[in-house]
Protein backbone atom coordinates (compact mmCIF):
# COMPACT_ATOMS: atom_id res chain seq x y z
CA MET A 1 -0.38 0.35 0.10
CA LYS A 2 1.34 3.80 -0.90
CA ILE A 3 0.99 6.70 1.12
CA HIS A 4 0.51 9.68 -0.64
CA ILE A 5 1.98 12.87 1.59
CA ARG A 6 0.40 15.60 0.08
CA PHE A 7 3.37 18.94 0.83
CA ARG A 8 2.08 22.65 1.06
CA ASN A 9 3.76 25.68 1.75
CA CYS A 10 3.81 25.85 5.45
CA ALA A 11 5.71 29.18 6.06
CA PRO A 12 2.26 31.42 7.17
CA LEU A 13 2.24 28.24 9.34
CA ALA A 14 5.35 28.72 10.84
CA ALA A 15 5.71 32.39 11.12
CA ALA A 16 2.35 32.50 13.49
CA LEU A 17 3.23 29.87 15.24
CA LEU A 18 6.87 32.09 15.81
CA VAL A 19 4.88 34.89 17.01
CA ALA A 20 2.29 33.18 19.61
CA ALA A 21 5.51 31.39 20.66
CA THR A 22 7.29 34.41 21.15
CA ALA A 23 4.11 36.05 22.60
CA ALA A 24 4.27 33.38 25.21
CA ALA A 25 7.58 33.38 25.57
CA GLN A 26 7.17 37.30 26.73
CA GLU A 27 4.50 36.58 29.23
CA LYS A 28 5.48 33.75 31.11
CA PRO A 29 6.56 35.03 34.19
CA PRO A 30 10.87 34.19 34.60
CA ALA A 31 12.01 32.47 37.70
CA VAL A 32 15.05 34.12 38.41
CA ASN A 33 16.32 30.88 40.68
CA PRO A 34 16.13 28.22 38.05
CA ARG A 35 14.05 25.52 38.71
CA PRO A 36 15.70 21.90 40.36
CA GLY A 37 17.83 20.44 37.12
CA GLN A 38 18.16 23.61 35.46
CA PRO A 39 21.46 25.07 34.98
CA GLY A 40 22.44 27.75 37.19
CA HIS A 41 20.18 26.31 40.20
CA SER A 42 21.36 26.74 43.92
CA GLN A 43 19.19 24.68 46.72
CA HIS A 44 17.69 25.90 49.45
CA VAL A 45 19.50 26.04 52.44
CA GLU A 46 18.55 26.18 56.34
CA TRP A 47 18.26 29.76 57.65
CA GLN A 48 17.92 30.61 61.24
CA GLY A 49 19.37 34.73 60.19
CA ALA A 50 22.54 36.22 61.55
CA TYR A 51 22.61 35.72 65.87
CA PRO A 52 22.24 39.97 67.33
CA THR A 53 25.92 41.11 67.86
CA PRO A 54 26.30 44.13 70.48
CA ASP A 55 25.91 46.93 67.24
CA SER A 56 23.02 44.57 65.16
CA ILE A 57 21.34 44.58 68.44
CA ARG A 58 21.11 48.38 69.88
CA LYS A 59 20.03 48.46 65.79
CA PHE A 60 16.87 46.87 66.47
CA LYS A 61 14.46 48.60 69.12
CA PHE A 62 10.57 47.94 70.25
CA ASN A 63 8.89 51.67 70.11
CA ARG A 64 5.73 50.85 71.97
CA SER A 65 2.15 48.29 71.58
CA ILE A 66 -0.73 49.38 71.27
CA PRO A 67 -4.05 46.90 72.37
CA MET A 68 -5.92 44.50 70.24
CA PRO A 69 -9.35 43.61 70.91
CA ASP A 70 -9.70 40.85 73.64
CA GLY A 71 -9.00 37.19 72.33
CA PHE A 72 -7.93 38.22 68.84
CA ILE A 73 -5.52 36.21 66.74
CA GLY A 74 -5.26 37.09 63.26
CA ASN A 75 -3.26 39.90 61.31
CA LEU A 76 -3.31 43.32 60.30
CA ALA A 77 -3.06 46.03 57.08
CA TYR A 78 -1.82 49.50 57.65
CA ASP A 79 -2.39 52.83 55.06
CA ASP A 80 1.44 54.79 55.65
CA ALA A 81 -0.32 58.03 53.69
CA SER A 82 -3.48 58.16 56.42
CA GLY A 83 -2.17 56.28 59.33
CA ARG A 84 -5.39 54.08 59.33
CA LEU A 85 -5.13 50.61 60.36
CA TRP A 86 -7.28 46.79 60.31
CA LEU A 87 -6.94 44.34 61.89
CA VAL A 88 -8.43 41.12 60.44
CA SER A 89 -9.40 37.66 62.60
CA LEU A 90 -8.60 34.36 61.33
CA GLY A 91 -11.95 32.54 60.99
CA PRO A 92 -13.35 29.03 62.87
CA PRO A 93 -12.52 26.68 63.62
CA THR A 94 -8.89 28.18 64.23
CA ASN A 95 -10.15 30.84 65.72
CA THR A 96 -12.62 29.13 68.84
CA LYS A 97 -14.09 32.81 69.91
CA GLY A 98 -16.14 33.50 67.22
CA PRO A 99 -16.40 34.24 63.45
CA SER A 100 -13.78 36.16 61.27
CA MET A 101 -13.87 39.50 61.63
CA VAL A 102 -12.57 43.01 60.11
CA TYR A 103 -11.94 45.78 62.78
CA GLU A 104 -10.78 49.77 62.30
CA VAL A 105 -8.67 50.56 65.15
CA ASP A 106 -7.21 53.69 66.44
CA PRO A 107 -3.29 53.70 66.33
CA ARG A 108 -3.49 55.69 69.30
CA ASP A 109 -4.86 53.51 71.64
CA GLY A 110 -6.08 50.22 69.62
CA LYS A 111 -10.19 51.79 69.83
CA VAL A 112 -12.14 49.69 67.64
CA LEU A 113 -13.66 52.26 65.30
CA ALA A 114 -16.04 50.25 63.28
CA GLN A 115 -16.06 46.17 62.52
CA ALA A 116 -17.99 43.69 60.41
CA GLN A 117 -18.14 39.86 60.11
CA LEU A 118 -15.73 38.41 57.34
CA PRO A 119 -17.30 35.16 55.89
CA PHE A 120 -13.86 32.81 56.15
CA LYS A 121 -12.92 30.06 57.39
CA GLY A 122 -9.88 28.76 59.12
CA ASP A 123 -6.21 30.48 58.40
CA PHE A 124 -5.38 32.70 56.41
CA GLY A 125 -2.20 35.59 55.93
CA GLU A 126 -2.21 38.78 56.25
CA PRO A 127 -3.88 41.64 54.22
CA VAL A 128 -3.17 44.97 52.31
CA TYR A 129 -4.25 48.01 52.41
CA TYR A 130 -4.85 50.14 48.88
CA ASP A 131 -6.90 52.83 47.40
CA GLY A 132 -10.09 52.16 49.74
CA TYR A 133 -9.71 48.42 50.11
CA LEU A 134 -8.18 45.53 51.84
CA TYR A 135 -7.10 42.77 49.67
CA GLN A 136 -7.76 39.38 51.50
CA GLY A 137 -5.59 36.48 50.13
CA ILE A 138 -7.68 33.07 51.68
CA PHE A 139 -4.66 30.90 50.91
CA HIS A 140 -6.98 27.05 50.93
CA GLU A 141 -9.20 28.81 48.34
CA SER A 142 -6.59 30.02 46.49
CA LYS A 143 -8.50 33.71 45.87
CA LEU A 144 -8.04 36.99 46.84
CA TYR A 145 -10.86 39.45 48.83
CA LYS A 146 -11.09 42.62 47.64
CA ILE A 147 -13.20 44.42 50.73
CA VAL A 148 -13.97 47.63 51.18
CA ALA A 149 -12.61 49.30 54.53
CA GLY A 150 -11.15 52.96 53.32
CA ASP A 151 -15.53 53.54 54.10
CA ARG A 152 -16.64 52.40 57.64
CA ALA A 153 -20.47 52.87 56.63
CA ASN A 154 -19.67 49.49 54.21
CA LEU A 155 -16.61 48.12 56.13
CA GLY A 156 -16.14 44.29 55.02
CA LYS A 157 -18.31 44.38 51.87
CA ILE A 158 -16.77 42.22 49.27
CA GLU A 159 -16.24 43.88 46.23
CA LYS A 160 -14.92 41.16 44.53
CA THR A 161 -12.75 38.05 44.34
CA ILE A 162 -9.64 37.11 42.19
CA PRO A 163 -8.00 33.83 41.38
CA LEU A 164 -4.69 33.51 42.19
CA PRO A 165 -1.95 30.87 40.91
CA ASN A 166 -2.45 27.23 41.83
CA LEU A 167 0.94 24.56 42.36
CA ILE A 168 0.24 23.36 38.79
CA ASP A 169 1.04 26.49 37.50
CA LEU A 170 4.48 26.96 38.84
CA LYS A 171 5.38 23.50 36.89
CA LEU A 172 7.13 22.23 39.55
CA GLU A 173 8.31 19.41 37.70
CA ASP A 174 10.90 18.02 40.08
CA GLU A 175 9.07 18.97 43.45
CA SER A 176 6.40 17.85 45.16
CA HIS A 177 3.62 18.91 47.50
CA SER A 178 0.76 17.79 50.02
CA TYR A 179 -2.39 19.95 48.43
CA PRO A 180 -2.92 21.53 44.91
CA PHE A 181 -2.89 25.36 46.50
CA ILE A 182 0.06 28.06 47.02
CA GLU A 183 0.63 28.36 50.82
CA PHE A 184 0.97 31.76 51.88
CA GLY A 185 0.96 33.83 55.15
CA GLY A 186 2.63 37.24 53.45
CA LEU A 187 1.01 39.63 51.17
CA THR A 188 2.34 43.20 50.27
CA LEU A 189 1.90 45.87 47.58
CA THR A 190 4.70 45.95 45.56
CA PRO A 191 5.53 49.50 44.63
CA GLU A 192 4.19 49.00 41.15
CA LYS A 193 0.79 48.79 42.92
CA ASN A 194 0.58 44.75 42.35
CA LEU A 195 0.86 42.26 44.73
CA MET A 196 3.29 39.96 46.31
CA PHE A 197 3.05 36.92 48.02
CA HIS A 198 5.94 34.48 49.63
CA ALA A 199 5.08 30.68 48.88
CA ASP A 200 5.82 28.81 52.04
CA ASP A 201 6.46 25.62 50.70
CA VAL A 202 8.10 26.27 47.67
CA GLY A 203 10.30 29.42 49.05
CA GLU A 204 9.72 31.96 45.94
CA LEU A 205 8.84 35.08 46.63
CA ILE A 206 5.66 35.04 43.71
CA THR A 207 3.96 38.54 42.08
CA VAL A 208 0.64 38.60 40.68
CA GLU A 209 -1.34 41.24 38.91
CA ARG A 210 -3.59 43.16 41.90
CA GLU A 211 -6.95 43.36 39.85
CA THR A 212 -6.39 39.73 37.98
CA GLY A 213 -4.38 37.68 40.08
CA ARG A 214 -2.27 36.97 37.03
CA LEU A 215 1.08 36.01 37.11
CA LEU A 216 3.93 38.51 36.41
CA ALA A 217 6.96 37.45 38.02
CA ARG A 218 8.86 34.95 40.24
CA ALA A 219 12.38 34.94 42.94
CA ARG A 220 13.33 32.08 44.87
CA SER A 221 13.76 32.81 48.04
CA ILE A 222 14.27 31.33 51.25
CA LYS A 223 11.11 29.19 52.88
CA ALA A 224 8.82 29.75 56.00
CA LEU A 225 8.44 33.55 55.79
CA GLY A 226 5.74 34.75 58.41
CA GLY A 227 4.83 38.59 56.72
CA ILE A 228 6.01 40.43 54.29
CA ALA A 229 6.19 44.08 53.53
CA ALA A 230 7.71 45.85 50.23
CA THR A 231 8.90 49.34 50.03
CA SER A 232 11.32 50.78 47.11
CA GLY A 233 15.04 50.70 48.48
CA PRO A 234 17.35 54.38 48.67
CA ASN A 235 18.42 53.54 45.16
CA GLY A 236 15.14 52.54 43.94
CA GLU A 237 15.51 49.24 44.31
CA LEU A 238 12.55 46.24 45.25
CA LEU A 239 13.09 45.57 49.23
CA VAL A 240 10.81 43.21 50.89
CA LEU A 241 11.25 43.18 55.07
CA GLY A 242 10.31 39.39 56.25
CA ASN A 243 10.49 37.31 59.70
CA SER A 244 10.47 33.45 60.37
CA ASP A 245 10.50 31.38 63.14
CA PRO A 246 14.16 30.18 62.76
CA ARG A 247 12.94 26.82 63.96
CA GLY A 248 10.97 26.05 60.87
CA GLY A 249 8.02 25.85 63.39
CA TYR A 250 6.04 28.61 61.62
CA CYS A 251 3.95 28.13 58.50
CA ALA A 252 0.28 29.70 57.72
CA LEU A 253 -0.97 26.04 58.38
CA SER A 254 -0.57 26.17 62.27
CA TYR A 255 -1.59 30.08 63.79
CA PRO A 256 -1.54 31.43 66.22
CA PRO A 257 2.75 31.47 66.20
CA SER A 258 2.78 31.51 69.73
CA LEU A 259 2.05 27.88 69.38
CA SER A 260 5.09 26.84 68.35
CA ARG A 261 7.20 29.25 70.60
CA SER A 262 7.77 26.89 74.70
CA PRO A 263 9.00 29.30 76.65
CA GLU A 264 12.68 29.28 76.70
CA GLN A 265 12.17 29.37 72.70
CA LYS A 266 10.99 33.26 71.41
CA ASP A 267 13.46 33.19 68.48
CA ILE A 268 12.39 35.32 66.00
CA SER A 269 14.35 36.33 62.63
CA TRP A 270 13.98 39.17 60.40
CA ALA A 271 15.47 39.19 57.00
CA LEU A 272 15.40 42.23 54.50
CA ILE A 273 15.30 40.76 50.82
CA ASP A 274 15.87 41.57 47.68
CA GLY A 275 12.67 41.72 45.50
CA LYS A 276 14.15 40.30 42.25
CA THR A 277 16.30 37.93 43.30
CA GLY A 278 15.34 36.32 46.01
CA ASP A 279 18.45 36.87 48.08
CA VAL A 280 19.20 37.91 51.67
CA LEU A 281 20.87 41.14 51.77
CA ALA A 282 20.80 41.58 55.50
CA SER A 283 19.21 39.89 59.11
CA ILE A 284 19.13 39.69 62.39
CA ARG A 285 17.61 36.66 65.14
CA THR A 286 15.73 38.58 67.95
CA GLN A 287 16.57 36.79 70.95
CA ASN A 288 13.31 36.36 73.48
CA SER A 289 10.90 38.19 70.93
CA ARG A 290 8.44 39.85 71.64
CA ALA A 291 6.64 40.06 68.28
CA TYR A 292 5.44 36.23 65.95
CA ALA A 293 6.57 35.29 62.85
CA SER A 294 3.58 36.87 61.49
CA THR A 295 1.92 40.36 60.03
CA VAL A 296 4.05 42.74 58.78
CA LYS A 297 3.57 46.54 57.63
CA ILE A 298 5.67 48.96 57.31
CA ILE A 299 5.48 52.63 58.11
CA LYS A 300 8.27 54.64 56.89
CA ARG A 301 11.96 53.93 55.66
CA GLU A 302 14.49 56.74 56.37
CA ASP A 303 17.79 57.18 54.47
CA VAL A 304 20.43 57.12 57.00
CA PRO A 305 24.05 58.42 55.77
CA GLY A 306 26.71 55.76 56.56
CA THR A 307 24.14 52.39 56.02
CA ALA A 308 22.85 50.41 52.91
CA TYR A 309 19.34 50.71 53.46
CA GLY A 310 17.98 52.76 56.00
CA LYS A 311 15.52 52.68 58.73
CA PHE A 312 13.09 50.55 58.78
CA THR A 313 9.98 51.68 61.50
CA PHE A 314 7.52 48.72 60.83
CA LEU A 315 3.93 47.15 62.37
CA ALA A 316 3.91 43.42 63.49
CA THR A 317 2.21 41.54 66.17
CA GLY A 318 2.55 39.87 69.59
CA GLU A 319 1.30 38.55 72.70
CA ASP A 320 1.51 42.46 73.81
CA GLY A 321 -0.50 43.12 70.89
CA VAL A 322 0.22 45.34 67.48
CA ILE A 323 4.09 46.09 68.05
CA GLU A 324 5.77 49.12 66.68
CA LEU A 325 9.51 48.61 66.16
CA GLU A 326 12.56 49.66 63.78
CA TRP A 327 15.44 48.30 62.40
CA THR A 328 18.67 49.55 60.84
CA PRO A 329 19.73 46.05 59.03
CA VAL A 330 23.12 45.36 58.38
CA LYS A 331 24.32 44.66 55.30
CA GLU A 332 25.80 40.91 55.34
CA SER A 333 29.06 39.86 53.88
CA ASN A 334 29.36 37.15 51.13
């Protein structure tokens, strides 16, 4: 039997495929650190933060604390332009005190100015405020919720939901994970007003388009960060402040972080990370920490002569409530 093959001019088709492939390559967000098995890949290494020296510990200070509502467990959002502060409590069964709630509180004394009930269940990470709304990630739903916050009369109204990438979208061919969703606790607004979250188990800083959830960029970094907060550095570089339990006891699935801390072990490590490459630029391990390895929000960053990154004033949560801290990071030597 003869098989007849008819050849045709494939030049137009080839050109179309080339254009499509080029467009796809341009849309695909690159991972700064290549994946396992690819040239140039660097393995995750255990990270605990630099132990403090007499000089470095003087550069990390506690300023004040702000009380939270009784029995509150959850995270905070802060608007540095207006100075407004919001708290979002976790949902049942993690929260045994009641439903998930959003509060606006007075940043001076913690007085509740407005509150509303939210429909969220279980554990989830920190919210982010932008332009009148809170963006609350629910990692086990692979969703962001856009929630009214600027208008106190409508506080808690859900404006829309935004889909987030799943693990399958990251194409982690040489890694296996127990869940289809990307587990994250830390969420922050980038200088370009998009959203970055830290994938705990994957160890990546992932940037998505704020209103669509479309994947924009990835940078391989350290694992098991609690909260993150991004800002521009003295030369316009993207800096990310984050915290972590140095024993790896914190993750978004085991809240509150205090449950993983014994009276003898309350160390929390802080890292300043290059948001583009994922590299740790500076770190300190604070002993007997007032803060949990969870939510963190930058109030301001100030240039300080003779320092590489300036001074950060920021908010976190801890056993004393919302706490204000400041840190002047010391650049790590390679």
